[in-house]
Amino acid sequence: MYANQYSVSGADVARKFDEAGVLDYLLDNYEALHTQGWRFILPLINDYMNNQKSEMK
């Protein structure tokens, strides 16, 4: 879903998610997120990745 929505390859998504720790974030917040739709979660993932980049600087 993410790759299609943002026109990136699956490999790029996997790399970006791994670098930012997105899967850990999703697992840690499963209870709050599992009832939300993709239109809510995809922008949330982008915000999380952007925040991770800011913290790395």
PDB file of N, CA and C in Angstrom:
ATOM      1  N   MET A   1       0.833  -1.184   0.000  1.00  0.00           N
ATOM      2  CA  MET A   1       0.000   0.000   0.000  1.00  0.00           C
ATOM      3  C   MET A   1       0.884   1.257   0.000  1.00  0.00           C
ATOM      4  N   TYR A   2       1.873   1.285   0.870  1.00  0.00           N
ATOM      5  CA  TYR A   2       2.744   2.462   0.975  1.00  0.00           C
ATOM      6  C   TYR A   2       3.465   2.715  -0.346  1.00  0.00           C
ATOM      7  N   ALA A   3       4.003   1.658  -0.941  1.00  0.00           N
ATOM      8  CA  ALA A   3       4.748   1.799  -2.199  1.00  0.00           C
ATOM      9  C   ALA A   3       3.858   2.370  -3.295  1.00  0.00           C
ATOM     10  N   ASN A   4       2.652   1.888  -3.406  1.00  0.00           N
ATOM     11  CA  ASN A   4       1.726   2.399  -4.428  1.00  0.00           C
ATOM     12  C   ASN A   4       1.321   3.836  -4.160  1.00  0.00           C
ATOM     13  N   GLN A   5       1.008   4.132  -2.928  1.00  0.00           N
ATOM     14  CA  GLN A   5       0.554   5.481  -2.569  1.00  0.00           C
ATOM     15  C   GLN A   5       1.623   6.537  -2.837  1.00  0.00           C
ATOM     16  N   TYR A   6       2.886   6.190  -2.572  1.00  0.00           N
ATOM     17  CA  TYR A   6       3.961   7.168  -2.698  1.00  0.00           C
ATOM     18  C   TYR A   6       4.879   6.906  -3.891  1.00  0.00           C
ATOM     19  N   SER A   7       4.458   5.997  -4.766  1.00  0.00           N
ATOM     20  CA  SER A   7       5.169   5.703  -6.022  1.00  0.00           C
ATOM     21  C   SER A   7       6.652   5.401  -5.808  1.00  0.00           C
ATOM     22  N   VAL A   8       6.916   4.475  -4.908  1.00  0.00           N
ATOM     23  CA  VAL A   8       8.273   4.006  -4.668  1.00  0.00           C
ATOM     24  C   VAL A   8       8.260   2.482  -4.754  1.00  0.00           C
ATOM     25  N   SER A   9       9.412   1.893  -4.962  1.00  0.00           N
ATOM     26  CA  SER A   9       9.493   0.441  -5.063  1.00  0.00           C
ATOM     27  C   SER A   9       9.358  -0.206  -3.685  1.00  0.00           C
ATOM     28  N   GLY A  10       8.976  -1.453  -3.698  1.00  0.00           N
ATOM     29  CA  GLY A  10       8.892  -2.200  -2.451  1.00  0.00           C
ATOM     30  C   GLY A  10      10.231  -2.281  -1.747  1.00  0.00           C
ATOM     31  N   ALA A  11      11.301  -2.403  -2.541  1.00  0.00           N
ATOM     32  CA  ALA A  11      12.653  -2.454  -1.960  1.00  0.00           C
ATOM     33  C   ALA A  11      12.992  -1.148  -1.253  1.00  0.00           C
ATOM     34  N   ASP A  12      12.603  -0.018  -1.862  1.00  0.00           N
ATOM     35  CA  ASP A  12      12.843   1.286  -1.226  1.00  0.00           C
ATOM     36  C   ASP A  12      12.053   1.415   0.069  1.00  0.00           C
ATOM     37  N   VAL A  13      10.819   0.952   0.048  1.00  0.00           N
ATOM     38  CA  VAL A  13       9.992   0.997   1.258  1.00  0.00           C
ATOM     39  C   VAL A  13      10.642   0.168   2.358  1.00  0.00           C
ATOM     40  N   ALA A  14      11.065  -1.038   2.024  1.00  0.00           N
ATOM     41  CA  ALA A  14      11.690  -1.911   3.021  1.00  0.00           C
ATOM     42  C   ALA A  14      12.933  -1.259   3.609  1.00  0.00           C
ATOM     43  N   ARG A  15      13.752  -0.651   2.755  1.00  0.00           N
ATOM     44  CA  ARG A  15      14.979  -0.004   3.226  1.00  0.00           C
ATOM     45  C   ARG A  15      14.657   1.173   4.130  1.00  0.00           C
ATOM     46  N   LYS A  16      13.726   2.027   3.684  1.00  0.00           N
ATOM     47  CA  LYS A  16      13.363   3.209   4.471  1.00  0.00           C
ATOM     48  C   LYS A  16      12.737   2.814   5.812  1.00  0.00           C
ATOM     49  N   PHE A  17      11.852   1.827   5.790  1.00  0.00           N
ATOM     50  CA  PHE A  17      11.217   1.369   7.031  1.00  0.00           C
ATOM     51  C   PHE A  17      12.257   0.804   7.983  1.00  0.00           C
ATOM     52  N   ASP A  18      13.208   0.039   7.449  1.00  0.00           N
ATOM     53  CA  ASP A  18      14.257  -0.545   8.287  1.00  0.00           C
ATOM     54  C   ASP A  18      15.124   0.548   8.900  1.00  0.00           C
ATOM     55  N   GLU A  19      15.552   1.507   8.088  1.00  0.00           N
ATOM     56  CA  GLU A  19      16.420   2.591   8.576  1.00  0.00           C
ATOM     57  C   GLU A  19      15.751   3.413   9.664  1.00  0.00           C
ATOM     58  N   ALA A  20      14.446   3.640   9.528  1.00  0.00           N
ATOM     59  CA  ALA A  20      13.730   4.493  10.484  1.00  0.00           C
ATOM     60  C   ALA A  20      13.135   3.714  11.653  1.00  0.00           C
ATOM     61  N   GLY A  21      13.149   2.389  11.583  1.00  0.00           N
ATOM     62  CA  GLY A  21      12.555   1.600  12.656  1.00  0.00           C
ATOM     63  C   GLY A  21      11.037   1.606  12.635  1.00  0.00           C
ATOM     64  N   VAL A  22      10.461   1.722  11.455  1.00  0.00           N
ATOM     65  CA  VAL A  22       9.009   1.828  11.332  1.00  0.00           C
ATOM     66  C   VAL A  22       8.297   0.580  11.842  1.00  0.00           C
ATOM     67  N   LEU A  23       8.809  -0.590  11.550  1.00  0.00           N
ATOM     68  CA  LEU A  23       8.123  -1.802  11.993  1.00  0.00           C
ATOM     69  C   LEU A  23       8.068  -1.894  13.513  1.00  0.00           C
ATOM     70  N   ASP A  24       9.136  -1.511  14.179  1.00  0.00           N
ATOM     71  CA  ASP A  24       9.116  -1.481  15.648  1.00  0.00           C
ATOM     72  C   ASP A  24       8.079  -0.475  16.143  1.00  0.00           C
ATOM     73  N   TYR A  25       8.021   0.689  15.494  1.00  0.00           N
ATOM     74  CA  TYR A  25       7.041   1.719  15.857  1.00  0.00           C
ATOM     75  C   TYR A  25       5.613   1.179  15.713  1.00  0.00           C
ATOM     76  N   LEU A  26       5.347   0.505  14.590  1.00  0.00           N
ATOM     77  CA  LEU A  26       4.004  -0.032  14.361  1.00  0.00           C
ATOM     78  C   LEU A  26       3.662  -1.113  15.378  1.00  0.00           C
ATOM     79  N   LEU A  27       4.616  -1.981  15.671  1.00  0.00           N
ATOM     80  CA  LEU A  27       4.371  -3.032  16.663  1.00  0.00           C
ATOM     81  C   LEU A  27       4.162  -2.455  18.057  1.00  0.00           C
ATOM     82  N   ASP A  28       4.966  -1.462  18.417  1.00  0.00           N
ATOM     83  CA  ASP A  28       4.844  -0.831  19.732  1.00  0.00           C
ATOM     84  C   ASP A  28       3.515  -0.108  19.902  1.00  0.00           C
ATOM     85  N   ASN A  29       2.940   0.364  18.792  1.00  0.00           N
ATOM     86  CA  ASN A  29       1.699   1.145  18.845  1.00  0.00           C
ATOM     87  C   ASN A  29       0.513   0.410  18.247  1.00  0.00           C
ATOM     88  N   TYR A  30       0.620  -0.897  18.171  1.00  0.00           N
ATOM     89  CA  TYR A  30      -0.424  -1.705  17.543  1.00  0.00           C
ATOM     90  C   TYR A  30      -1.807  -1.432  18.124  1.00  0.00           C
ATOM     91  N   GLU A  31      -1.916  -1.409  19.433  1.00  0.00           N
ATOM     92  CA  GLU A  31      -3.227  -1.230  20.072  1.00  0.00           C
ATOM     93  C   GLU A  31      -3.927   0.038  19.604  1.00  0.00           C
ATOM     94  N   ALA A  32      -3.184   1.105  19.471  1.00  0.00           N
ATOM     95  CA  ALA A  32      -3.785   2.377  19.047  1.00  0.00           C
ATOM     96  C   ALA A  32      -4.025   2.430  17.546  1.00  0.00           C
ATOM     97  N   LEU A  33      -3.216   1.723  16.781  1.00  0.00           N
ATOM     98  CA  LEU A  33      -3.272   1.849  15.323  1.00  0.00           C
ATOM     99  C   LEU A  33      -4.138   0.812  14.615  1.00  0.00           C
ATOM    100  N   HIS A  34      -4.356  -0.343  15.212  1.00  0.00           N
ATOM    101  CA  HIS A  34      -5.000  -1.426  14.470  1.00  0.00           C
ATOM    102  C   HIS A  34      -6.433  -1.122  14.054  1.00  0.00           C
ATOM    103  N   THR A  35      -7.048  -0.144  14.667  1.00  0.00           N
ATOM    104  CA  THR A  35      -8.417   0.212  14.282  1.00  0.00           C
ATOM    105  C   THR A  35      -8.464   1.344  13.264  1.00  0.00           C
ATOM    106  N   GLN A  36      -7.314   1.884  12.915  1.00  0.00           N
ATOM    107  CA  GLN A  36      -7.248   3.009  11.981  1.00  0.00           C
ATOM    108  C   GLN A  36      -7.090   2.506  10.546  1.00  0.00           C
ATOM    109  N   GLY A  37      -7.523   3.295   9.596  1.00  0.00           N
ATOM    110  CA  GLY A  37      -7.388   2.947   8.192  1.00  0.00           C
ATOM    111  C   GLY A  37      -6.062   3.426   7.618  1.00  0.00           C
ATOM    112  N   TRP A  38      -5.773   2.961   6.405  1.00  0.00           N
ATOM    113  CA  TRP A  38      -4.497   3.296   5.775  1.00  0.00           C
ATOM    114  C   TRP A  38      -4.364   4.788   5.523  1.00  0.00           C
ATOM    115  N   ARG A  39      -5.466   5.501   5.310  1.00  0.00           N
ATOM    116  CA  ARG A  39      -5.401   6.951   5.068  1.00  0.00           C
ATOM    117  C   ARG A  39      -4.904   7.699   6.298  1.00  0.00           C
ATOM    118  N   PHE A  40      -5.077   7.130   7.455  1.00  0.00           N
ATOM    119  CA  PHE A  40      -4.565   7.704   8.693  1.00  0.00           C
ATOM    120  C   PHE A  40      -3.127   7.250   8.939  1.00  0.00           C
ATOM    121  N   ILE A  41      -2.878   5.965   8.709  1.00  0.00           N
ATOM    122  CA  ILE A  41      -1.596   5.379   9.082  1.00  0.00           C
ATOM    123  C   ILE A  41      -0.456   5.789   8.151  1.00  0.00           C
ATOM    124  N   LEU A  42      -0.687   5.870   6.843  1.00  0.00           N
ATOM    125  CA  LEU A  42       0.408   6.216   5.927  1.00  0.00           C
ATOM    126  C   LEU A  42       1.000   7.597   6.212  1.00  0.00           C
ATOM    127  N   PRO A  43       0.201   8.643   6.389  1.00  0.00           N
ATOM    128  CA  PRO A  43       0.809   9.927   6.756  1.00  0.00           C
ATOM    129  C   PRO A  43       1.511   9.873   8.121  1.00  0.00           C
ATOM    130  N   LEU A  44       0.986   9.078   9.028  1.00  0.00           N
ATOM    131  CA  LEU A  44       1.612   8.920  10.338  1.00  0.00           C
ATOM    132  C   LEU A  44       2.999   8.299  10.190  1.00  0.00           C
ATOM    133  N   ILE A  45       3.113   7.313   9.313  1.00  0.00           N
ATOM    134  CA  ILE A  45       4.410   6.692   9.047  1.00  0.00           C
ATOM    135  C   ILE A  45       5.373   7.726   8.474  1.00  0.00           C
ATOM    136  N   ASN A  46       4.894   8.541   7.536  1.00  0.00           N
ATOM    137  CA  ASN A  46       5.758   9.595   6.971  1.00  0.00           C
ATOM    138  C   ASN A  46       6.229  10.558   8.043  1.00  0.00           C
ATOM    139  N   ASP A  47       5.322  10.977   8.902  1.00  0.00           N
ATOM    140  CA  ASP A  47       5.706  11.880   9.993  1.00  0.00           C
ATOM    141  C   ASP A  47       6.747  11.226  10.897  1.00  0.00           C
ATOM    142  N   TYR A  48       6.545   9.966  11.206  1.00  0.00           N
ATOM    143  CA  TYR A  48       7.491   9.246  12.057  1.00  0.00           C
ATOM    144  C   TYR A  48       8.869   9.193  11.403  1.00  0.00           C
ATOM    145  N   MET A  49       8.906   8.853  10.116  1.00  0.00           N
ATOM    146  CA  MET A  49      10.195   8.772   9.422  1.00  0.00           C
ATOM    147  C   MET A  49      10.866  10.135   9.352  1.00  0.00           C
ATOM    148  N   ASN A  50      10.102  11.189   9.119  1.00  0.00           N
ATOM    149  CA  ASN A  50      10.671  12.541   9.086  1.00  0.00           C
ATOM    150  C   ASN A  50      11.228  12.933  10.451  1.00  0.00           C
ATOM    151  N   ASN A  51      10.526  12.565  11.507  1.00  0.00           N
ATOM    152  CA  ASN A  51      11.019  12.855  12.852  1.00  0.00           C
ATOM    153  C   ASN A  51      12.295  12.083  13.144  1.00  0.00           C
ATOM    154  N   GLN A  52      12.372  10.845  12.680  1.00  0.00           N
ATOM    155  CA  GLN A  52      13.574  10.041  12.873  1.00  0.00           C
ATOM    156  C   GLN A  52      14.761  10.676  12.148  1.00  0.00           C
ATOM    157  N   LYS A  53      14.525  11.182  10.942  1.00  0.00           N
ATOM    158  CA  LYS A  53      15.600  11.860  10.196  1.00  0.00           C
ATOM    159  C   LYS A  53      16.076  13.091  10.947  1.00  0.00           C
ATOM    160  N   SER A  54      15.143  13.859  11.499  1.00  0.00           N
ATOM    161  CA  SER A  54      15.498  15.085  12.233  1.00  0.00           C
ATOM    162  C   SER A  54      16.338  14.759  13.460  1.00  0.00           C
ATOM    163  N   GLU A  55      16.002  13.677  14.133  1.00  0.00           N
ATOM    164  CA  GLU A  55      16.736  13.290  15.334  1.00  0.00           C
ATOM    165  C   GLU A  55      18.147  12.784  15.007  1.00  0.00           C
ATOM    166  N   MET A  56      18.346  12.283  13.794  1.00  0.00           N
ATOM    167  CA  MET A  56      19.651  11.760  13.412  1.00  0.00           C
ATOM    168  C   MET A  56      20.636  12.865  13.066  1.00  0.00           C
ATOM    169  N   LYS A  57      20.129  14.051  12.808  1.00  0.00           N
ATOM    170  CA  LYS A  57      21.019  15.184  12.427  1.00  0.00           C
ATOM    171  C   LYS A  57      21.726  15.748  13.610  1.00  0.00           C
TER     172      LYS A  57
END
